Amino acid sequence: MVTINPINVLNLLMTVFTVMNIPQTPVNEAEVSLKENIQRILMESMEDYNMQIEDETVLIFDSSNGINDGQQIIEDQDTTDRFVEDTDAHCPLKDDIDYEYKLEAVNYWTSGKKGYLKLETVKNKYRKVTSKTQLHRWSKYIEERGTYKEKLAEITEFVINQARAAVDNKLPLHDIDIRRWAIQARNEKNLSPQLFKASHSWVQRFKKANRLVSRKITKFLSQKQIGNVDRVKTLAKDFVKEAKLQIQIYGPENTYNSDQSGFNLEFHSGRTLSDLGVKTVESVVQSVSSTTHSYTIQPVISADGKLLSPLFIVLKEPSGSFGPRVANTMFKADNIYVLASKSGKLTSEHMKNWLQNVYFPNTGSKSLLLLDSWSGHCPEVISEITPSGTNFKHLSIPAGTTGQIQPLDVFGFRIWKNFIRRFSDQIILYQYDVNLHQRDNILKLQSLTHNQLASPRFINVFKYAWFASGYIEERPDHFENPVEVCFSSEKPTCDICGDIAVITCAWCKKSLCLKHFFHDFHFCQHYVE
């Protein structure tokens, strides 16, 4: 075995190229890549390697089994795989022969019954073939390409499993973690770092392909709570199964969900357009304290997509009730029922009042009601208030499952709050003289919002809330988002007076200014398709 001294090789090369008086130029990527491949060849030759020289302008190696299957180092790496990096694993100079041609030529060459076909036979059919060395090199490349793809697939599968486990277990996950797992898998698969680096671009493609995005954490859970996840999922599944049986008995038109949601006195969007690079984004409100003090609404929706009237509202009053003067002069509308409490939240007495004056008078003699497990929804109290002769059944949604299976929580309140935010933002933007946290304006805005969302145009919105919660099997037809319908009209002016329009009515489809919608109280019942 001949021992290779790389210094001798380099000195010989220097002797050849020095006498050629080649002008000095800046180093480019192709030269760096070629240097790395030559370096790898020399490093390997120091260990155990026999050199075989042929009259061909490529670098080749002889295999240990005596077959000349040298690899062409200048072969460009195929990058069509789903997660293959844009990395120059080989010298970027190409021979302009595609992979399929090489594959066909090698398959034909190895198809002889007693061994390889003769070179001339192969060359007659594949004119680009020049030597057996080239065919050996192509064969080696095809073999390595398959191995490379298999290892990449295994790396990707490993990272997907790790990421999915982290997400399912609600563990914090960042780009660097994906890269670390990819590198760990690469090392376990003995894949060269030159072929796979788990680069930033690979991580981004991995995230996009697997629908992973960075999201703000909105709730923190303890390990104890995480341990109850399986139990909660089982409770939710069992409840939905029981509820679906009851819905078949009572019918979707007689099945209802009601829930409470707090609204700040002044309610605005949490996002705005601003200059790029600004670290602190500030936004004007009418009263900062009004963005932290709240009141409560309690709507009712049916499984067939209807929003019931009236809307139950509990405002915050220091005494816990309205004085006679306030009760007589405050804003009133047919679609709202208003009470007060010291906290702006409901008590068990409010619950009784809601059942007596809102729910039972508007749901008929047969109904199924889904409520959460709040203590105010006491079955004994509900039974006491239920009118005699009424076919009524109450199902209590298990604690901890409302975010998954309570229709109003799953989809309803998100739409409602976005509607209020968008309208309130316009009041601030155009500097209208409307005190958003004043009692009458709160009631008027909630009344108008309830009226707009009760439009037949949005029946499928509330049907979807039941579908997304698992209670109905058939997905509702396509529906329009209420915020987009009412606040994204291409008609910028009022259809009545020509002033700036703030909303498009979901009933009559008219574009309306603040005066004709809010001040004149546009309570619409005229539906236009």
Foldseek 3Di string as FASTA:
>chain_A
DDADDVVVVVVVVCVVVVVVPDDDDDDDPLNVQVVVVVVVVRVVSNPPADDDDDPDPFGFGADPVRDGQGAGQCDADDDPDQLFDPAGLGRVDHPPDDLVLLVVLLCQQQPDPVGGDDPVVSCVVRVVDDDVNVNSNSVVVVVVNVLVNVLVVVLLVQLVVVVVVCVLLVHDDDLVVSQVSSVVSCVVSVHDCNRPVSDPVSSVSSCVVVVHDDDDDDDDDDPVVSVCVVVLVVLLVVLLVVVLVVCVVQPQLQEKEKDKDKDQLFAADPDDDDDPPDPDDDDDDPDPVSRVAIAMKMWMATLQQATFFAIEIEAADCVQFDDPVCVVPADDDRRYDYTYGNRNDDDLVVVLVCVQPPNPVTRPQAHEYEYEPPVSVDPVSNVVSDDPNGRYYYDYRYPPCCCQARLCNVAVVVLLSVQSNLLSVVCRVVVPPDDSSDRRNVVLVSLLSSLQCRAPLRSLRSNQSNVRNPNDPDRDDDGDRSCCLWAVDPDQAFPPPGHGFRTQRNAPRTGHHCCVPRVVPCRDDHHDD
